[in-house]
Amino acid sequence: MSDQTVTDIEKMSFEQALRELETIVRQLEGGEVELEKSIEIYERGAKLKSHCEARLKAAELKIEQIVQGPDGKPTTESASFE
């Protein structure tokens, strides 16, 4: 894939990338795509997946949860989703 293609993906919102990834999955599952095209869109799908994972991780780091501190007062700490 070209540098321009990667740049295009990096500019996508999470929702845009996810929609395109879902379209690629449907195309590949349908089995109607020629081999060379399948390889090309699979590679783009892998890049889209990585982009979505990075966007989710960035969002996770921004989210804070409010907890009750040892003194009973509310405080914030990074959210843990594990």
N, C-alpha and C. Protein backbone atom coordinates (compact mmCIF):
# COMPACT_ATOMS: atom_id res chain seq x y z
N MET A 1 0.85 -1.18 0.00
CA MET A 1 0.00 0.00 0.00
C MET A 1 0.88 1.23 0.00
N SER A 2 0.40 2.25 -0.62
CA SER A 2 1.18 3.47 -0.73
C SER A 2 1.15 4.27 0.56
N ASP A 3 2.11 5.19 0.68
CA ASP A 3 2.13 6.08 1.85
C ASP A 3 0.86 6.90 1.90
N GLN A 4 0.32 7.27 0.73
CA GLN A 4 -0.91 8.06 0.68
C GLN A 4 -2.07 7.28 1.28
N THR A 5 -2.14 6.00 1.01
CA THR A 5 -3.21 5.17 1.55
C THR A 5 -3.13 5.12 3.07
N VAL A 6 -1.94 4.95 3.61
CA VAL A 6 -1.75 4.93 5.06
C VAL A 6 -2.14 6.28 5.65
N THR A 7 -1.75 7.36 5.00
CA THR A 7 -2.11 8.70 5.46
C THR A 7 -3.62 8.86 5.46
N ASP A 8 -4.28 8.39 4.44
CA ASP A 8 -5.74 8.46 4.38
C ASP A 8 -6.37 7.74 5.56
N ILE A 9 -5.87 6.59 5.89
CA ILE A 9 -6.40 5.82 7.02
C ILE A 9 -6.16 6.58 8.32
N GLU A 10 -4.99 7.15 8.50
CA GLU A 10 -4.68 7.88 9.73
C GLU A 10 -5.60 9.07 9.95
N LYS A 11 -6.14 9.62 8.88
CA LYS A 11 -7.04 10.77 8.98
C LYS A 11 -8.48 10.36 9.28
N MET A 12 -8.78 9.07 9.19
CA MET A 12 -10.15 8.59 9.38
C MET A 12 -10.54 8.62 10.86
N SER A 13 -11.81 8.87 11.08
CA SER A 13 -12.35 8.71 12.43
C SER A 13 -12.47 7.21 12.69
N PHE A 14 -12.67 6.86 13.94
CA PHE A 14 -12.87 5.46 14.30
C PHE A 14 -14.05 4.89 13.53
N GLU A 15 -15.16 5.66 13.50
CA GLU A 15 -16.39 5.18 12.86
C GLU A 15 -16.20 4.97 11.36
N GLN A 16 -15.48 5.86 10.69
CA GLN A 16 -15.24 5.72 9.26
C GLN A 16 -14.41 4.46 8.99
N ALA A 17 -13.36 4.28 9.77
CA ALA A 17 -12.47 3.13 9.59
C ALA A 17 -13.22 1.82 9.86
N LEU A 18 -14.04 1.82 10.89
CA LEU A 18 -14.80 0.62 11.22
C LEU A 18 -15.80 0.27 10.12
N ARG A 19 -16.48 1.27 9.58
CA ARG A 19 -17.43 1.01 8.47
C ARG A 19 -16.72 0.40 7.28
N GLU A 20 -15.55 0.96 6.92
CA GLU A 20 -14.82 0.41 5.78
C GLU A 20 -14.33 -1.00 6.08
N LEU A 21 -13.88 -1.23 7.30
CA LEU A 21 -13.42 -2.56 7.69
C LEU A 21 -14.56 -3.57 7.60
N GLU A 22 -15.74 -3.18 8.03
CA GLU A 22 -16.91 -4.07 7.94
C GLU A 22 -17.24 -4.39 6.48
N THR A 23 -17.12 -3.40 5.61
CA THR A 23 -17.36 -3.62 4.18
C THR A 23 -16.35 -4.62 3.61
N ILE A 24 -15.10 -4.46 3.99
CA ILE A 24 -14.05 -5.38 3.53
C ILE A 24 -14.33 -6.80 4.01
N VAL A 25 -14.72 -6.95 5.25
CA VAL A 25 -15.03 -8.28 5.79
C VAL A 25 -16.16 -8.92 5.00
N ARG A 26 -17.22 -8.14 4.73
CA ARG A 26 -18.35 -8.69 3.94
C ARG A 26 -17.88 -9.12 2.55
N GLN A 27 -17.03 -8.32 1.92
CA GLN A 27 -16.54 -8.68 0.58
C GLN A 27 -15.73 -9.97 0.62
N LEU A 28 -14.86 -10.08 1.61
CA LEU A 28 -14.03 -11.29 1.70
C LEU A 28 -14.85 -12.52 2.05
N GLU A 29 -15.82 -12.35 2.95
CA GLU A 29 -16.67 -13.48 3.32
C GLU A 29 -17.57 -13.92 2.17
N GLY A 30 -17.92 -12.97 1.31
CA GLY A 30 -18.77 -13.29 0.17
C GLY A 30 -18.09 -14.18 -0.86
N GLY A 31 -16.76 -14.15 -0.88
CA GLY A 31 -16.01 -15.01 -1.78
C GLY A 31 -16.12 -14.64 -3.25
N GLU A 32 -16.62 -13.47 -3.55
CA GLU A 32 -16.82 -13.06 -4.94
C GLU A 32 -15.67 -12.21 -5.48
N VAL A 33 -14.68 -11.92 -4.63
CA VAL A 33 -13.58 -11.03 -5.01
C VAL A 33 -12.43 -11.86 -5.57
N GLU A 34 -11.83 -11.37 -6.65
CA GLU A 34 -10.70 -12.06 -7.25
C GLU A 34 -9.53 -12.09 -6.27
N LEU A 35 -8.64 -13.06 -6.45
CA LEU A 35 -7.53 -13.29 -5.53
C LEU A 35 -6.68 -12.04 -5.30
N GLU A 36 -6.23 -11.41 -6.37
CA GLU A 36 -5.36 -10.23 -6.21
C GLU A 36 -6.08 -9.11 -5.46
N LYS A 37 -7.34 -8.90 -5.78
CA LYS A 37 -8.13 -7.87 -5.10
C LYS A 37 -8.34 -8.26 -3.65
N SER A 38 -8.54 -9.55 -3.38
CA SER A 38 -8.71 -10.03 -2.01
C SER A 38 -7.48 -9.72 -1.17
N ILE A 39 -6.32 -9.97 -1.73
CA ILE A 39 -5.07 -9.69 -1.02
C ILE A 39 -4.95 -8.19 -0.73
N GLU A 40 -5.26 -7.39 -1.73
CA GLU A 40 -5.17 -5.93 -1.59
C GLU A 40 -6.12 -5.41 -0.50
N ILE A 41 -7.37 -5.86 -0.53
CA ILE A 41 -8.30 -5.35 0.47
C ILE A 41 -8.05 -5.96 1.85
N TYR A 42 -7.50 -7.18 1.89
CA TYR A 42 -7.13 -7.76 3.17
C TYR A 42 -6.04 -6.92 3.84
N GLU A 43 -5.05 -6.50 3.06
CA GLU A 43 -3.97 -5.67 3.59
C GLU A 43 -4.52 -4.34 4.10
N ARG A 44 -5.44 -3.75 3.36
CA ARG A 44 -6.06 -2.50 3.82
C ARG A 44 -6.86 -2.76 5.09
N GLY A 45 -7.56 -3.87 5.14
CA GLY A 45 -8.32 -4.23 6.33
C GLY A 45 -7.44 -4.35 7.56
N ALA A 46 -6.25 -4.93 7.38
CA ALA A 46 -5.31 -5.06 8.50
C ALA A 46 -4.88 -3.69 9.00
N LYS A 47 -4.65 -2.78 8.09
CA LYS A 47 -4.27 -1.40 8.47
C LYS A 47 -5.44 -0.68 9.16
N LEU A 48 -6.63 -0.90 8.66
CA LEU A 48 -7.82 -0.30 9.28
C LEU A 48 -8.02 -0.86 10.69
N LYS A 49 -7.83 -2.16 10.86
CA LYS A 49 -7.96 -2.79 12.19
C LYS A 49 -6.96 -2.18 13.16
N SER A 50 -5.73 -2.02 12.74
CA SER A 50 -4.71 -1.43 13.60
C SER A 50 -5.08 0.01 13.97
N HIS A 51 -5.59 0.73 13.00
CA HIS A 51 -6.01 2.12 13.24
C HIS A 51 -7.14 2.16 14.27
N CYS A 52 -8.12 1.29 14.12
CA CYS A 52 -9.24 1.26 15.07
C CYS A 52 -8.74 0.91 16.48
N GLU A 53 -7.86 -0.06 16.58
CA GLU A 53 -7.31 -0.43 17.88
C GLU A 53 -6.57 0.74 18.52
N ALA A 54 -5.80 1.47 17.74
CA ALA A 54 -5.06 2.63 18.26
C ALA A 54 -6.01 3.72 18.73
N ARG A 55 -7.07 3.96 17.95
CA ARG A 55 -8.06 4.99 18.35
C ARG A 55 -8.76 4.59 19.64
N LEU A 56 -9.10 3.32 19.78
CA LEU A 56 -9.73 2.84 21.01
C LEU A 56 -8.80 2.98 22.21
N LYS A 57 -7.53 2.64 22.03
CA LYS A 57 -6.56 2.75 23.11
C LYS A 57 -6.40 4.20 23.54
N ALA A 58 -6.35 5.11 22.57
CA ALA A 58 -6.23 6.53 22.88
C ALA A 58 -7.44 7.02 23.67
N ALA A 59 -8.61 6.57 23.28
CA ALA A 59 -9.84 6.96 23.98
C ALA A 59 -9.83 6.40 25.40
N GLU A 60 -9.38 5.17 25.54
CA GLU A 60 -9.32 4.53 26.85
C GLU A 60 -8.43 5.32 27.80
N LEU A 61 -7.31 5.81 27.28
CA LEU A 61 -6.39 6.56 28.12
C LEU A 61 -6.96 7.90 28.56
N LYS A 62 -7.89 8.43 27.80
CA LYS A 62 -8.50 9.72 28.13
C LYS A 62 -9.61 9.61 29.17
N ILE A 63 -10.19 8.44 29.23
CA ILE A 63 -11.33 8.25 30.14
C ILE A 63 -10.82 8.11 31.57
N GLU A 64 -11.47 8.81 32.44
CA GLU A 64 -11.14 8.67 33.86
C GLU A 64 -12.40 8.24 34.59
N GLN A 65 -12.21 7.52 35.65
CA GLN A 65 -13.35 7.13 36.46
C GLN A 65 -13.25 7.82 37.81
N ILE A 66 -14.39 8.17 38.34
CA ILE A 66 -14.44 8.80 39.64
C ILE A 66 -14.55 7.71 40.69
N VAL A 67 -13.67 7.78 41.67
CA VAL A 67 -13.68 6.79 42.74
C VAL A 67 -13.67 7.51 44.09
N GLN A 68 -14.02 6.78 45.10
CA GLN A 68 -13.99 7.33 46.44
C GLN A 68 -12.62 7.05 47.03
N GLY A 69 -11.93 8.12 47.42
CA GLY A 69 -10.60 7.99 48.00
C GLY A 69 -10.64 7.45 49.41
N PRO A 70 -9.48 7.14 49.97
CA PRO A 70 -9.42 6.60 51.32
C PRO A 70 -10.00 7.54 52.38
N ASP A 71 -9.98 8.84 52.07
CA ASP A 71 -10.53 9.82 53.02
C ASP A 71 -12.02 10.04 52.80
N GLY A 72 -12.61 9.29 51.86
CA GLY A 72 -14.04 9.41 51.59
C GLY A 72 -14.39 10.46 50.56
N LYS A 73 -13.40 11.22 50.12
CA LYS A 73 -13.65 12.26 49.12
C LYS A 73 -13.49 11.67 47.72
N PRO A 74 -14.27 12.19 46.77
CA PRO A 74 -14.13 11.70 45.40
C PRO A 74 -12.79 12.13 44.79
N THR A 75 -12.23 11.24 44.03
CA THR A 75 -11.00 11.51 43.31
C THR A 75 -11.10 10.83 41.94
N THR A 76 -10.16 11.09 41.07
CA THR A 76 -10.19 10.44 39.75
C THR A 76 -8.95 9.58 39.58
N GLU A 77 -9.10 8.56 38.77
CA GLU A 77 -7.96 7.74 38.39
C GLU A 77 -8.22 7.20 37.00
N SER A 78 -7.18 6.78 36.34
CA SER A 78 -7.35 6.24 34.99
C SER A 78 -8.23 5.01 35.04
N ALA A 79 -9.09 4.91 34.05
CA ALA A 79 -10.00 3.78 33.98
C ALA A 79 -9.22 2.53 33.58
N SER A 80 -9.63 1.41 34.10
CA SER A 80 -9.05 0.14 33.72
C SER A 80 -10.16 -0.71 33.11
N PHE A 81 -9.93 -1.17 31.87
CA PHE A 81 -10.95 -1.94 31.15
C PHE A 81 -10.56 -3.40 31.02
N GLU A 82 -9.63 -3.84 31.81
CA GLU A 82 -9.16 -5.22 31.72
C GLU A 82 -9.92 -6.11 32.65
